[in-house]
């Protein structure tokens, strides 16, 4: 349960950042989140697969659908 809760908190942080700025850069999100960079990337990619966010892997731009 704790793993899921932590991940959901990071998802909320990611969504809040994108909503505030309109878009975000993957590298900026990795620095901003209080998790190891690989965990941040994994969470962002999982969110993109679920259709919660859009991830342009060529530009590393993260936006809302």
C-alpha atoms as a PDB file:
ATOM      1  CA  UNK A   1       0.000   0.000   0.000  1.00  0.00           C
ATOM      2  CA  UNK A   2       2.774   2.445   0.832  1.00  0.00           C
ATOM      3  CA  UNK A   3       4.342   2.036  -2.608  1.00  0.00           C
ATOM      4  CA  UNK A   4       1.058   2.864  -4.308  1.00  0.00           C
ATOM      5  CA  UNK A   5       0.445   5.812  -2.005  1.00  0.00           C
ATOM      6  CA  UNK A   6       3.907   7.248  -2.645  1.00  0.00           C
ATOM      7  CA  UNK A   7       3.503   6.829  -6.378  1.00  0.00           C
ATOM      8  CA  UNK A   8       0.119   8.542  -6.336  1.00  0.00           C
ATOM      9  CA  UNK A   9       1.622  11.493  -4.478  1.00  0.00           C
ATOM     10  CA  UNK A  10       4.289  11.837  -7.172  1.00  0.00           C
ATOM     11  CA  UNK A  11       1.611  11.613  -9.839  1.00  0.00           C
ATOM     12  CA  UNK A  12      -0.236  14.486  -8.167  1.00  0.00           C
ATOM     13  CA  UNK A  13       2.986  16.547  -8.055  1.00  0.00           C
ATOM     14  CA  UNK A  14       3.598  15.862 -11.738  1.00  0.00           C
ATOM     15  CA  UNK A  15       0.034  16.818 -12.693  1.00  0.00           C
ATOM     16  CA  UNK A  16       0.145  19.960 -10.536  1.00  0.00           C
ATOM     17  CA  UNK A  17       3.373  21.096 -12.209  1.00  0.00           C
ATOM     18  CA  UNK A  18       1.987  20.524 -15.709  1.00  0.00           C
ATOM     19  CA  UNK A  19      -1.292  22.265 -14.865  1.00  0.00           C
ATOM     20  CA  UNK A  20       0.524  25.248 -13.369  1.00  0.00           C
ATOM     21  CA  UNK A  21       2.912  25.739 -16.294  1.00  0.00           C
ATOM     22  CA  UNK A  22       0.868  24.252 -19.141  1.00  0.00           C
ATOM     23  CA  UNK A  23       3.723  21.860 -19.891  1.00  0.00           C
ATOM     24  CA  UNK A  24       6.850  20.537 -18.244  1.00  0.00           C
ATOM     25  CA  UNK A  25      10.225  19.168 -19.236  1.00  0.00           C
ATOM     26  CA  UNK A  26      11.067  15.614 -18.221  1.00  0.00           C
ATOM     27  CA  UNK A  27      14.488  16.657 -16.875  1.00  0.00           C
ATOM     28  CA  UNK A  28      12.946  19.456 -14.792  1.00  0.00           C
ATOM     29  CA  UNK A  29      10.365  17.060 -13.348  1.00  0.00           C
ATOM     30  CA  UNK A  30      13.094  14.570 -12.435  1.00  0.00           C
ATOM     31  CA  UNK A  31      14.916  17.279 -10.461  1.00  0.00           C
ATOM     32  CA  UNK A  32      11.742  18.605  -8.846  1.00  0.00           C
ATOM     33  CA  UNK A  33      10.400  15.307  -7.524  1.00  0.00           C
ATOM     34  CA  UNK A  34      11.774  13.997  -4.261  1.00  0.00           C
ATOM     35  CA  UNK A  35      12.519  10.543  -5.680  1.00  0.00           C
ATOM     36  CA  UNK A  36      15.449   8.999  -7.559  1.00  0.00           C
ATOM     37  CA  UNK A  37      15.425  10.113 -11.217  1.00  0.00           C
ATOM     38  CA  UNK A  38      14.756   6.578 -12.483  1.00  0.00           C
ATOM     39  CA  UNK A  39      11.617   6.409 -10.322  1.00  0.00           C
ATOM     40  CA  UNK A  40      10.451   9.763 -11.666  1.00  0.00           C
ATOM     41  CA  UNK A  41      10.925   8.619 -15.262  1.00  0.00           C
ATOM     42  CA  UNK A  42       9.174   5.319 -14.561  1.00  0.00           C
ATOM     43  CA  UNK A  43       6.194   7.120 -12.986  1.00  0.00           C
ATOM     44  CA  UNK A  44       5.963   9.614 -15.865  1.00  0.00           C
ATOM     45  CA  UNK A  45       6.137   6.855 -18.483  1.00  0.00           C
ATOM     46  CA  UNK A  46       3.472   4.824 -16.637  1.00  0.00           C
ATOM     47  CA  UNK A  47       1.231   7.905 -16.540  1.00  0.00           C
ATOM     48  CA  UNK A  48       1.763   8.396 -20.279  1.00  0.00           C
ATOM     49  CA  UNK A  49       0.861   4.767 -21.028  1.00  0.00           C
ATOM     50  CA  UNK A  50      -2.334   5.185 -18.977  1.00  0.00           C
ATOM     51  CA  UNK A  51      -3.184   8.312 -21.000  1.00  0.00           C
ATOM     52  CA  UNK A  52      -3.038  10.608 -17.962  1.00  0.00           C
ATOM     53  CA  UNK A  53      -0.326  12.742 -19.572  1.00  0.00           C
ATOM     54  CA  UNK A  54       1.413  13.018 -22.926  1.00  0.00           C
ATOM     55  CA  UNK A  55       5.164  12.418 -23.129  1.00  0.00           C
ATOM     56  CA  UNK A  56       7.037  13.458 -26.248  1.00  0.00           C
ATOM     57  CA  UNK A  57      10.181  11.359 -25.919  1.00  0.00           C
ATOM     58  CA  UNK A  58      12.024  13.228 -28.672  1.00  0.00           C
ATOM     59  CA  UNK A  59      11.673  16.613 -26.945  1.00  0.00           C
ATOM     60  CA  UNK A  60      11.125  15.338 -23.356  1.00  0.00           C
ATOM     61  CA  UNK A  61       8.066  17.612 -23.162  1.00  0.00           C
ATOM     62  CA  UNK A  62       5.290  16.497 -20.825  1.00  0.00           C
ATOM     63  CA  UNK A  63       1.786  17.888 -21.347  1.00  0.00           C
ATOM     64  CA  UNK A  64      -1.802  17.096 -20.466  1.00  0.00           C
ATOM     65  CA  UNK A  65      -3.819  15.210 -23.099  1.00  0.00           C
END
